[in-house]
C-alpha atoms as a PDB file:
ATOM      1  CA  MET A   1      53.859 -85.190 -40.300  1.00  0.00           C
ATOM      2  CA  SER A   2      55.231 -83.945 -37.000  1.00  0.00           C
ATOM      3  CA  ALA A   3      53.446 -84.102 -33.650  1.00  0.00           C
ATOM      4  CA  GLY A   4      52.875 -80.335 -33.786  1.00  0.00           C
ATOM      5  CA  ASP A   5      51.233 -80.621 -37.199  1.00  0.00           C
ATOM      6  CA  LEU A   6      49.054 -83.508 -36.051  1.00  0.00           C
ATOM      7  CA  GLY A   7      48.038 -81.533 -32.969  1.00  0.00           C
ATOM      8  CA  ALA A   8      47.137 -78.537 -35.129  1.00  0.00           C
ATOM      9  CA  VAL A   9      44.990 -80.733 -37.377  1.00  0.00           C
ATOM     10  CA  VAL A  10      43.218 -82.314 -34.392  1.00  0.00           C
ATOM     11  CA  ALA A  11      42.682 -78.864 -32.855  1.00  0.00           C
ATOM     12  CA  GLY A  12      41.268 -77.558 -36.114  1.00  0.00           C
ATOM     13  CA  LEU A  13      38.917 -80.519 -36.432  1.00  0.00           C
ATOM     14  CA  LEU A  14      37.686 -80.063 -32.856  1.00  0.00           C
ATOM     15  CA  MET A  15      37.042 -76.372 -33.446  1.00  0.00           C
ATOM     16  CA  LEU A  16      35.298 -77.037 -36.769  1.00  0.00           C
ATOM     17  CA  LEU A  17      33.106 -79.652 -35.122  1.00  0.00           C
ATOM     18  CA  GLY A  18      32.261 -77.174 -32.347  1.00  0.00           C
ATOM     19  CA  ALA A  19      31.438 -74.534 -34.961  1.00  0.00           C
ATOM     20  CA  LEU A  20      29.221 -77.068 -36.732  1.00  0.00           C
ATOM     21  CA  PHE A  21      27.239 -77.504 -33.517  1.00  0.00           C
ATOM     22  CA  PHE A  22      26.781 -73.718 -33.388  1.00  0.00           C
ATOM     23  CA  LEU A  23      25.624 -73.699 -37.020  1.00  0.00           C
ATOM     24  CA  VAL A  24      23.118 -76.493 -36.419  1.00  0.00           C
ATOM     25  CA  THR A  25      21.864 -74.634 -33.341  1.00  0.00           C
ATOM     26  CA  ALA A  26      21.463 -71.401 -35.308  1.00  0.00           C
ATOM     27  CA  LEU A  27      19.496 -73.183 -38.037  1.00  0.00           C
ATOM     28  CA  GLY A  28      17.318 -74.842 -35.405  1.00  0.00           C
ATOM     29  CA  MET A  29      16.662 -71.478 -33.755  1.00  0.00           C
ATOM     30  CA  LEU A  30      15.520 -70.056 -37.085  1.00  0.00           C
ATOM     31  CA  ARG A  31      13.116 -72.947 -37.591  1.00  0.00           C
ATOM     32  CA  SER A  32      11.641 -72.877 -34.076  1.00  0.00           C
ATOM     33  CA  ARG A  33       8.337 -71.118 -33.683  1.00  0.00           C
ATOM     34  CA  ASP A  34       8.015 -70.750 -29.923  1.00  0.00           C
ATOM     35  CA  ALA A  35      10.210 -69.838 -26.972  1.00  0.00           C
ATOM     36  CA  ILE A  36      10.301 -73.285 -25.384  1.00  0.00           C
ATOM     37  CA  SER A  37      11.517 -74.878 -28.612  1.00  0.00           C
ATOM     38  CA  ARG A  38      14.179 -72.193 -28.983  1.00  0.00           C
ATOM     39  CA  VAL A  39      15.476 -72.844 -25.471  1.00  0.00           C
ATOM     40  CA  ASN A  40      15.610 -76.551 -26.260  1.00  0.00           C
ATOM     41  CA  ASN A  41      17.567 -75.839 -29.442  1.00  0.00           C
ATOM     42  CA  LEU A  42      20.366 -74.191 -27.446  1.00  0.00           C
ATOM     43  CA  SER A  43      21.551 -77.565 -26.140  1.00  0.00           C
ATOM     44  CA  PRO A  44      23.888 -78.573 -29.008  1.00  0.00           C
ATOM     45  CA  ALA A  45      25.814 -75.303 -28.914  1.00  0.00           C
ATOM     46  CA  THR A  46      26.113 -75.008 -25.159  1.00  0.00           C
ATOM     47  CA  GLY A  47      26.498 -78.699 -24.364  1.00  0.00           C
ATOM     48  CA  ALA A  48      28.842 -79.785 -27.143  1.00  0.00           C
ATOM     49  CA  GLY A  49      29.888 -76.844 -29.325  1.00  0.00           C
ATOM     50  CA  LEU A  50      31.449 -74.616 -26.687  1.00  0.00           C
ATOM     51  CA  PRO A  51      33.367 -77.422 -24.932  1.00  0.00           C
ATOM     52  CA  LEU A  52      34.737 -78.630 -28.284  1.00  0.00           C
ATOM     53  CA  VAL A  53      35.958 -75.141 -29.166  1.00  0.00           C
ATOM     54  CA  ILE A  54      37.617 -74.734 -25.751  1.00  0.00           C
ATOM     55  CA  ILE A  55      39.255 -78.179 -25.963  1.00  0.00           C
ATOM     56  CA  GLY A  56      40.343 -77.438 -29.545  1.00  0.00           C
ATOM     57  CA  ALA A  57      42.021 -74.228 -28.404  1.00  0.00           C
ATOM     58  CA  ALA A  58      43.789 -76.093 -25.592  1.00  0.00           C
ATOM     59  CA  VAL A  59      44.976 -78.807 -28.009  1.00  0.00           C
ATOM     60  CA  HIS A  60      46.253 -76.112 -30.368  1.00  0.00           C
ATOM     61  CA  ASP A  61      48.213 -74.454 -27.560  1.00  0.00           C
ATOM     62  CA  LEU A  62      49.541 -77.866 -26.498  1.00  0.00           C
ATOM     63  CA  SER A  63      50.705 -78.690 -30.019  1.00  0.00           C
ATOM     64  CA  ALA A  64      52.396 -75.287 -30.304  1.00  0.00           C
ATOM     65  CA  GLY A  65      54.117 -75.800 -26.956  1.00  0.00           C
ATOM     66  CA  ASP A  66      52.350 -72.822 -25.378  1.00  0.00           C
ATOM     67  CA  LEU A  67      50.028 -74.674 -22.989  1.00  0.00           C
ATOM     68  CA  THR A  68      50.929 -74.255 -19.344  1.00  0.00           C
ATOM     69  CA  VAL A  69      49.478 -76.226 -16.463  1.00  0.00           C
ATOM     70  CA  LEU A  70      47.513 -73.145 -15.438  1.00  0.00           C
ATOM     71  CA  ASP A  71      46.084 -72.834 -18.960  1.00  0.00           C
ATOM     72  CA  GLY A  72      45.049 -76.494 -18.872  1.00  0.00           C
ATOM     73  CA  VAL A  73      43.313 -75.979 -15.537  1.00  0.00           C
ATOM     74  CA  LYS A  74      41.571 -72.881 -16.904  1.00  0.00           C
ATOM     75  CA  ALA A  75      40.376 -74.822 -19.953  1.00  0.00           C
ATOM     76  CA  ALA A  76      39.052 -77.668 -17.782  1.00  0.00           C
ATOM     77  CA  LEU A  77      37.290 -75.200 -15.476  1.00  0.00           C
ATOM     78  CA  ALA A  78      35.841 -73.344 -18.475  1.00  0.00           C
ATOM     79  CA  VAL A  79      34.411 -76.580 -19.909  1.00  0.00           C
ATOM     80  CA  GLY A  80      32.960 -77.579 -16.533  1.00  0.00           C
ATOM     81  CA  ALA A  81      31.543 -74.116 -15.888  1.00  0.00           C
ATOM     82  CA  ALA A  82      30.044 -73.945 -19.379  1.00  0.00           C
ATOM     83  CA  LEU A  83      28.241 -77.237 -18.851  1.00  0.00           C
ATOM     84  CA  VAL A  84      26.914 -76.289 -15.408  1.00  0.00           C
ATOM     85  CA  VAL A  85      25.939 -72.737 -16.300  1.00  0.00           C
ATOM     86  CA  SER A  86      24.291 -73.732 -19.576  1.00  0.00           C
ATOM     87  CA  SER A  87      22.142 -76.381 -17.919  1.00  0.00           C
ATOM     88  CA  VAL A  88      21.001 -74.002 -15.171  1.00  0.00           C
ATOM     89  CA  ALA A  89      20.395 -71.199 -17.670  1.00  0.00           C
ATOM     90  CA  SER A  90      18.411 -73.498 -19.970  1.00  0.00           C
ATOM     91  CA  ASN A  91      16.273 -74.592 -17.044  1.00  0.00           C
ATOM     92  CA  MET A  92      15.592 -70.993 -16.000  1.00  0.00           C
ATOM     93  CA  LEU A  93      14.875 -69.849 -19.570  1.00  0.00           C
ATOM     94  CA  GLY A  94      12.517 -72.772 -20.151  1.00  0.00           C
ATOM     95  CA  ARG A  95      10.718 -72.086 -16.888  1.00  0.00           C
ATOM     96  CA  ALA A  96      10.359 -68.391 -17.726  1.00  0.00           C
ATOM     97  CA  ALA A  97       9.080 -69.225 -21.214  1.00  0.00           C
ATOM     98  CA  TYR A  98       6.545 -71.657 -19.778  1.00  0.00           C
ATOM     99  CA  ARG A  99       5.390 -69.259 -17.066  1.00  0.00           C
ATOM    100  CA  SER A 100       4.876 -66.466 -19.600  1.00  0.00           C
ATOM    101  CA  GLN A 101       1.981 -68.596 -20.917  1.00  0.00           C
ATOM    102  CA  THR A 102       2.560 -67.550 -24.509  1.00  0.00           C
ATOM    103  CA  GLU A 103       0.959 -69.641 -27.201  1.00  0.00           C
ATOM    104  CA  LEU A 104       2.916 -72.787 -28.066  1.00  0.00           C
ATOM    105  CA  ASP A 105       3.451 -74.064 -31.554  1.00  0.00           C
ATOM    106  CA  PRO A 106       1.117 -77.029 -32.168  1.00  0.00           C
ATOM    107  CA  ARG A 107       4.173 -79.231 -32.758  1.00  0.00           C
ATOM    108  CA  THR A 108       5.451 -78.522 -29.232  1.00  0.00           C
ATOM    109  CA  VAL A 109       4.349 -81.074 -26.662  1.00  0.00           C
ATOM    110  CA  GLY A 110       2.668 -79.382 -23.719  1.00  0.00           C
ATOM    111  CA  ASN A 111       3.374 -79.909 -20.054  1.00  0.00           C
ATOM    112  CA  ALA A 112       1.865 -83.186 -18.868  1.00  0.00           C
ATOM    113  CA  LEU A 113       2.268 -82.095 -15.228  1.00  0.00           C
ATOM    114  CA  GLU A 114       0.267 -78.899 -15.659  1.00  0.00           C
ATOM    115  CA  PRO A 115      -2.801 -80.082 -13.684  1.00  0.00           C
ATOM    116  CA  PHE A 116      -0.535 -80.603 -10.665  1.00  0.00           C
ATOM    117  CA  GLU A 117       1.217 -77.231 -10.763  1.00  0.00           C
ATOM    118  CA  GLU A 118       0.220 -73.779  -9.652  1.00  0.00           C
ATOM    119  CA  LEU A 119       1.528 -71.043 -11.905  1.00  0.00           C
ATOM    120  CA  GLU A 120       0.864 -68.289  -9.366  1.00  0.00           C
ATOM    121  CA  GLY A 121       3.749 -69.391  -7.134  1.00  0.00           C
ATOM    122  CA  HIS A 122       1.632 -70.064  -4.031  1.00  0.00           C
ATOM    123  CA  GLU A 123       2.855 -72.738  -1.661  1.00  0.00           C
ATOM    124  CA  HIS A 124       0.771 -75.867  -1.292  1.00  0.00           C
ATOM    125  CA  GLU A 125      -0.882 -76.033   2.100  1.00  0.00           C
ATOM    126  CA  GLU A 126      -0.652 -79.332   3.875  1.00  0.00           C
END
């Protein structure tokens, strides 16, 4: 087995593993019954699935001899940006779901800090 073939196999495995994270996320989304749980279920796809697919594509290009330094930098920036953007987006989606005050599934643990928060957005006066 040549280095190119080994690289293609590794790239394929990385992409399949990333796709598996997306599948698990999709199944979790179907099983979730409230918005906060659905936002929480996005983590495997955005935190692990997408970076694995991007890295798998970069490994494939490397094994084929098509990866340039610029492409490697783009892949690294894409992985970093995906991790940062997904964490900020998950935080904002979770906050919006909580502030909408829709009914939570009984299996979802409520907010333990609720007595200390104001949902109206008023500043605390000191």
